[in-house]
Amino acid sequence: MTQPTLFNSDPTTETTPPDIYNLAAQRLKGMPEDWQWFSIESKESPFGRFTQVTGAVPVGFYSRGPQKGRTKWPTKKDCEVFQFTPAQLEEVMLAWEAETGNCSTCGGDGQEQFGWSKAEGRRYRQCSRCGGTGKAPQQTLLTEHPTPSAPQAPELISTATNTSTTDYQ
């Protein structure tokens, strides 16, 4: 539950920022809407930084035992692994902002989560991206450190299975 804001005085209404990794898998890799990531790793290659995202469509929830209520994932061989450059993730974020008109950091309520404690739960502050307006700021894509385009980027070697992947596009 979010803290009440100037724009959202009802604390029971929660707006959530988009999960940029799920959106990137859906929009750039054609995954279904119920696809979810369960592992994210930041990695380096000779060609720059990238984020490796592993996920799948959940197969249900555990109904008993120590993991009761947690998401049940398919076997590792049925999971998808994707690599995204920072520029690709930013493109997805800016596209979401253009579609909704909302800030991608706060989800549109002007409050960003900045911490959690056992005593207080989630802690919020005014969104640093939109200044608390909830509206998407007018920005352009970062061009300071361009990343290689798909034809320029060589194949990445997956550290988990030592097989070549070409999901760097």
C-alpha atoms as a PDB file:
ATOM      1  CA  MET A   1       0.000   0.000   0.000  1.00  0.00           C
ATOM      2  CA  THR A   2       1.435   3.394  -0.933  1.00  0.00           C
ATOM      3  CA  GLN A   3       1.582   6.484   1.212  1.00  0.00           C
ATOM      4  CA  PRO A   4      -1.089   9.114   0.472  1.00  0.00           C
ATOM      5  CA  THR A   5       0.122  11.842  -1.875  1.00  0.00           C
ATOM      6  CA  LEU A   6      -1.188  15.158  -3.101  1.00  0.00           C
ATOM      7  CA  PHE A   7      -2.466  13.421  -6.217  1.00  0.00           C
ATOM      8  CA  ASN A   8      -3.662  10.206  -4.600  1.00  0.00           C
ATOM      9  CA  SER A   9      -5.252  10.800  -1.202  1.00  0.00           C
ATOM     10  CA  ASP A  10      -6.626   7.245  -0.992  1.00  0.00           C
ATOM     11  CA  PRO A  11      -3.872   5.062   0.550  1.00  0.00           C
ATOM     12  CA  THR A  12      -5.701   1.871  -0.499  1.00  0.00           C
ATOM     13  CA  THR A  13      -5.121   2.650  -4.188  1.00  0.00           C
ATOM     14  CA  GLU A  14      -1.702   1.469  -5.225  1.00  0.00           C
ATOM     15  CA  THR A  15      -0.031   2.373  -8.455  1.00  0.00           C
ATOM     16  CA  THR A  16       2.957   0.300  -9.305  1.00  0.00           C
ATOM     17  CA  PRO A  17       5.843   1.205 -11.532  1.00  0.00           C
ATOM     18  CA  PRO A  18       6.241  -1.083 -14.515  1.00  0.00           C
ATOM     19  CA  ASP A  19       8.522  -4.087 -14.240  1.00  0.00           C
ATOM     20  CA  ILE A  20      10.921  -3.058 -16.986  1.00  0.00           C
ATOM     21  CA  TYR A  21      12.459  -6.550 -17.298  1.00  0.00           C
ATOM     22  CA  ASN A  22       9.093  -8.241 -17.855  1.00  0.00           C
ATOM     23  CA  LEU A  23       8.130  -5.519 -20.340  1.00  0.00           C
ATOM     24  CA  ALA A  24      11.425  -5.889 -22.216  1.00  0.00           C
ATOM     25  CA  ALA A  25      10.945  -9.664 -22.532  1.00  0.00           C
ATOM     26  CA  GLN A  26       7.382  -9.184 -23.731  1.00  0.00           C
ATOM     27  CA  ARG A  27       8.025  -6.341 -26.161  1.00  0.00           C
ATOM     28  CA  LEU A  28      11.491  -7.172 -27.475  1.00  0.00           C
ATOM     29  CA  LYS A  29      11.426 -10.977 -27.314  1.00  0.00           C
ATOM     30  CA  GLY A  30       7.723 -11.708 -27.860  1.00  0.00           C
ATOM     31  CA  MET A  31       7.051 -13.378 -24.507  1.00  0.00           C
ATOM     32  CA  PRO A  32       3.409 -13.698 -23.341  1.00  0.00           C
ATOM     33  CA  GLU A  33       1.987 -11.230 -20.805  1.00  0.00           C
ATOM     34  CA  ASP A  34       2.119 -13.776 -17.978  1.00  0.00           C
ATOM     35  CA  TRP A  35       5.890 -14.334 -18.491  1.00  0.00           C
ATOM     36  CA  GLN A  36       7.898 -13.274 -15.414  1.00  0.00           C
ATOM     37  CA  TRP A  37      11.579 -13.028 -14.598  1.00  0.00           C
ATOM     38  CA  PHE A  38      12.987 -14.823 -11.563  1.00  0.00           C
ATOM     39  CA  SER A  39      16.712 -14.115 -11.932  1.00  0.00           C
ATOM     40  CA  ILE A  40      18.529 -10.959 -13.019  1.00  0.00           C
ATOM     41  CA  GLU A  41      22.289 -10.598 -13.368  1.00  0.00           C
ATOM     42  CA  SER A  42      24.324  -7.589 -14.404  1.00  0.00           C
ATOM     43  CA  LYS A  43      27.233  -8.721 -16.556  1.00  0.00           C
ATOM     44  CA  GLU A  44      30.168  -7.301 -18.488  1.00  0.00           C
ATOM     45  CA  SER A  45      31.440  -8.259 -21.903  1.00  0.00           C
ATOM     46  CA  PRO A  46      34.245  -6.797 -24.002  1.00  0.00           C
ATOM     47  CA  PHE A  47      31.494  -4.786 -25.709  1.00  0.00           C
ATOM     48  CA  GLY A  48      29.906  -3.259 -22.605  1.00  0.00           C
ATOM     49  CA  ARG A  49      27.459  -3.949 -19.827  1.00  0.00           C
ATOM     50  CA  PHE A  50      24.309  -5.970 -20.246  1.00  0.00           C
ATOM     51  CA  THR A  51      21.622  -7.464 -18.052  1.00  0.00           C
ATOM     52  CA  GLN A  52      20.858 -11.169 -18.238  1.00  0.00           C
ATOM     53  CA  VAL A  53      17.263 -11.993 -17.362  1.00  0.00           C
ATOM     54  CA  THR A  54      15.994 -15.541 -16.762  1.00  0.00           C
ATOM     55  CA  GLY A  55      12.289 -16.296 -16.507  1.00  0.00           C
ATOM     56  CA  ALA A  56       9.273 -18.274 -17.612  1.00  0.00           C
ATOM     57  CA  VAL A  57       5.519 -18.468 -17.339  1.00  0.00           C
ATOM     58  CA  PRO A  58       4.876 -19.714 -13.770  1.00  0.00           C
ATOM     59  CA  VAL A  59       3.258 -23.157 -13.523  1.00  0.00           C
ATOM     60  CA  GLY A  60       1.365 -22.358 -10.323  1.00  0.00           C
ATOM     61  CA  PHE A  61       1.997 -21.923  -6.622  1.00  0.00           C
ATOM     62  CA  TYR A  62       3.164 -24.255  -3.890  1.00  0.00           C
ATOM     63  CA  SER A  63       0.160 -25.331  -1.821  1.00  0.00           C
ATOM     64  CA  ARG A  64       1.978 -26.763   1.192  1.00  0.00           C
ATOM     65  CA  GLY A  65       5.371 -27.071   2.791  1.00  0.00           C
ATOM     66  CA  PRO A  66       7.963 -24.406   3.580  1.00  0.00           C
ATOM     67  CA  GLN A  67       7.439 -22.692   0.200  1.00  0.00           C
ATOM     68  CA  LYS A  68       3.638 -22.527   0.521  1.00  0.00           C
ATOM     69  CA  GLY A  69       2.258 -19.595  -1.466  1.00  0.00           C
ATOM     70  CA  ARG A  70       5.453 -19.036  -3.471  1.00  0.00           C
ATOM     71  CA  THR A  71       5.559 -19.180  -7.238  1.00  0.00           C
ATOM     72  CA  LYS A  72       6.325 -22.559  -8.795  1.00  0.00           C
ATOM     73  CA  TRP A  73       8.580 -22.342 -11.852  1.00  0.00           C
ATOM     74  CA  PRO A  74       9.045 -24.847 -14.679  1.00  0.00           C
ATOM     75  CA  THR A  75      12.248 -26.841 -14.975  1.00  0.00           C
ATOM     76  CA  LYS A  76      15.417 -24.965 -15.941  1.00  0.00           C
ATOM     77  CA  LYS A  77      15.357 -26.328 -19.501  1.00  0.00           C
ATOM     78  CA  ASP A  78      11.917 -24.726 -20.031  1.00  0.00           C
ATOM     79  CA  CYS A  79      13.055 -21.264 -18.921  1.00  0.00           C
ATOM     80  CA  GLU A  80      14.139 -18.463 -21.241  1.00  0.00           C
ATOM     81  CA  VAL A  81      17.370 -16.460 -20.866  1.00  0.00           C
ATOM     82  CA  PHE A  82      17.678 -13.035 -22.487  1.00  0.00           C
ATOM     83  CA  GLN A  83      20.333 -10.336 -22.548  1.00  0.00           C
ATOM     84  CA  PHE A  84      19.383  -6.652 -22.681  1.00  0.00           C
ATOM     85  CA  THR A  85      21.622  -3.635 -23.072  1.00  0.00           C
ATOM     86  CA  PRO A  86      20.985  -0.543 -20.925  1.00  0.00           C
ATOM     87  CA  ALA A  87      19.844   1.267 -24.088  1.00  0.00           C
ATOM     88  CA  GLN A  88      17.239  -1.421 -24.828  1.00  0.00           C
ATOM     89  CA  LEU A  89      15.857  -1.227 -21.286  1.00  0.00           C
ATOM     90  CA  GLU A  90      15.715   2.556 -21.527  1.00  0.00           C
ATOM     91  CA  GLU A  91      13.855   2.343 -24.853  1.00  0.00           C
ATOM     92  CA  VAL A  92      11.238   0.071 -23.261  1.00  0.00           C
ATOM     93  CA  MET A  93      10.918   2.408 -20.269  1.00  0.00           C
ATOM     94  CA  LEU A  94      10.484   5.491 -22.462  1.00  0.00           C
ATOM     95  CA  ALA A  95       7.969   3.672 -24.683  1.00  0.00           C
ATOM     96  CA  TRP A  96       5.913   2.753 -21.594  1.00  0.00           C
ATOM     97  CA  GLU A  97       6.029   6.374 -20.431  1.00  0.00           C
ATOM     98  CA  ALA A  98       4.940   7.589 -23.881  1.00  0.00           C
ATOM     99  CA  GLU A  99       2.003   5.132 -23.910  1.00  0.00           C
ATOM    100  CA  THR A 100       0.752   5.859 -20.392  1.00  0.00           C
ATOM    101  CA  GLY A 101       1.960   9.416 -19.742  1.00  0.00           C
ATOM    102  CA  ASN A 102       3.076   8.242 -16.274  1.00  0.00           C
ATOM    103  CA  CYS A 103       6.532   8.301 -14.730  1.00  0.00           C
ATOM    104  CA  SER A 104       8.212   4.892 -14.889  1.00  0.00           C
ATOM    105  CA  THR A 105       9.894   5.263 -11.496  1.00  0.00           C
ATOM    106  CA  CYS A 106       6.765   5.910  -9.400  1.00  0.00           C
ATOM    107  CA  GLY A 107       4.106   4.479 -11.716  1.00  0.00           C
ATOM    108  CA  GLY A 108       2.214   7.770 -11.697  1.00  0.00           C
ATOM    109  CA  ASP A 109       1.526   8.430  -8.008  1.00  0.00           C
ATOM    110  CA  GLY A 110       4.520  10.730  -7.375  1.00  0.00           C
ATOM    111  CA  GLN A 111       5.977   8.516  -4.624  1.00  0.00           C
ATOM    112  CA  GLU A 112       8.948   6.195  -5.051  1.00  0.00           C
ATOM    113  CA  GLN A 113       9.847   3.441  -2.640  1.00  0.00           C
ATOM    114  CA  PHE A 114      13.254   4.063  -1.092  1.00  0.00           C
ATOM    115  CA  GLY A 115      13.452   1.524   1.680  1.00  0.00           C
ATOM    116  CA  TRP A 116      11.843  -1.078   3.845  1.00  0.00           C
ATOM    117  CA  SER A 117      12.041  -1.921   7.517  1.00  0.00           C
ATOM    118  CA  LYS A 118      10.422  -4.573   9.648  1.00  0.00           C
ATOM    119  CA  ALA A 119       8.889  -1.930  11.918  1.00  0.00           C
ATOM    120  CA  GLU A 120       7.578   0.479   9.254  1.00  0.00           C
ATOM    121  CA  GLY A 121       7.277  -1.674   6.158  1.00  0.00           C
ATOM    122  CA  ARG A 122       7.775   0.127   2.849  1.00  0.00           C
ATOM    123  CA  ARG A 123       9.057   3.679   3.024  1.00  0.00           C
ATOM    124  CA  TYR A 124       8.299   6.263   0.366  1.00  0.00           C
ATOM    125  CA  ARG A 125       9.554   9.674  -0.689  1.00  0.00           C
ATOM    126  CA  GLN A 126       8.805  12.135  -3.460  1.00  0.00           C
ATOM    127  CA  CYS A 127       9.787  10.616  -6.817  1.00  0.00           C
ATOM    128  CA  SER A 128      13.222  11.794  -7.926  1.00  0.00           C
ATOM    129  CA  ARG A 129      12.483  11.269 -11.632  1.00  0.00           C
ATOM    130  CA  CYS A 130       9.273  13.297 -11.979  1.00  0.00           C
ATOM    131  CA  GLY A 131       9.564  15.542  -8.907  1.00  0.00           C
ATOM    132  CA  GLY A 132       6.342  14.142  -7.444  1.00  0.00           C
ATOM    133  CA  THR A 133       4.063  15.027 -10.376  1.00  0.00           C
ATOM    134  CA  GLY A 134       3.568  11.410 -11.468  1.00  0.00           C
ATOM    135  CA  LYS A 135       3.890  12.491 -15.093  1.00  0.00           C
ATOM    136  CA  ALA A 136       6.575  11.229 -17.433  1.00  0.00           C
ATOM    137  CA  PRO A 137       9.374  13.760 -17.848  1.00  0.00           C
ATOM    138  CA  GLN A 138      10.258  14.803 -21.374  1.00  0.00           C
ATOM    139  CA  GLN A 139      13.510  13.020 -22.159  1.00  0.00           C
ATOM    140  CA  THR A 140      15.410  11.545 -25.031  1.00  0.00           C
ATOM    141  CA  LEU A 141      17.418   8.349 -25.177  1.00  0.00           C
ATOM    142  CA  LEU A 142      20.898   8.308 -23.662  1.00  0.00           C
ATOM    143  CA  THR A 143      23.577   8.651 -26.290  1.00  0.00           C
ATOM    144  CA  GLU A 144      26.604   9.234 -24.057  1.00  0.00           C
ATOM    145  CA  HIS A 145      27.804   5.621 -24.249  1.00  0.00           C
ATOM    146  CA  PRO A 146      26.243   4.026 -27.304  1.00  0.00           C
ATOM    147  CA  THR A 147      26.069   0.261 -27.233  1.00  0.00           C
ATOM    148  CA  PRO A 148      26.778  -1.880 -30.288  1.00  0.00           C
ATOM    149  CA  SER A 149      23.840  -2.570 -32.547  1.00  0.00           C
ATOM    150  CA  ALA A 150      22.845  -6.150 -33.314  1.00  0.00           C
ATOM    151  CA  PRO A 151      25.045  -6.521 -36.443  1.00  0.00           C
ATOM    152  CA  GLN A 152      28.062  -5.080 -34.587  1.00  0.00           C
ATOM    153  CA  ALA A 153      27.671  -7.104 -31.386  1.00  0.00           C
ATOM    154  CA  PRO A 154      29.349 -10.503 -31.453  1.00  0.00           C
ATOM    155  CA  GLU A 155      27.765 -13.538 -29.913  1.00  0.00           C
ATOM    156  CA  LEU A 156      27.817 -13.625 -26.136  1.00  0.00           C
ATOM    157  CA  ILE A 157      28.938 -16.719 -24.329  1.00  0.00           C
ATOM    158  CA  SER A 158      26.491 -17.878 -21.684  1.00  0.00           C
ATOM    159  CA  THR A 159      28.393 -18.555 -18.474  1.00  0.00           C
ATOM    160  CA  ALA A 160      25.753 -20.968 -17.230  1.00  0.00           C
ATOM    161  CA  THR A 161      25.856 -23.477 -20.076  1.00  0.00           C
ATOM    162  CA  ASN A 162      28.875 -22.414 -22.188  1.00  0.00           C
ATOM    163  CA  THR A 163      26.701 -22.194 -25.279  1.00  0.00           C
ATOM    164  CA  SER A 164      26.584 -19.289 -27.674  1.00  0.00           C
ATOM    165  CA  THR A 165      23.546 -17.038 -27.598  1.00  0.00           C
ATOM    166  CA  THR A 166      22.578 -14.210 -29.894  1.00  0.00           C
ATOM    167  CA  ASP A 167      19.902 -12.546 -27.764  1.00  0.00           C
ATOM    168  CA  TYR A 168      21.977  -9.355 -27.568  1.00  0.00           C
ATOM    169  CA  GLN A 169      19.846  -7.527 -30.154  1.00  0.00           C
END
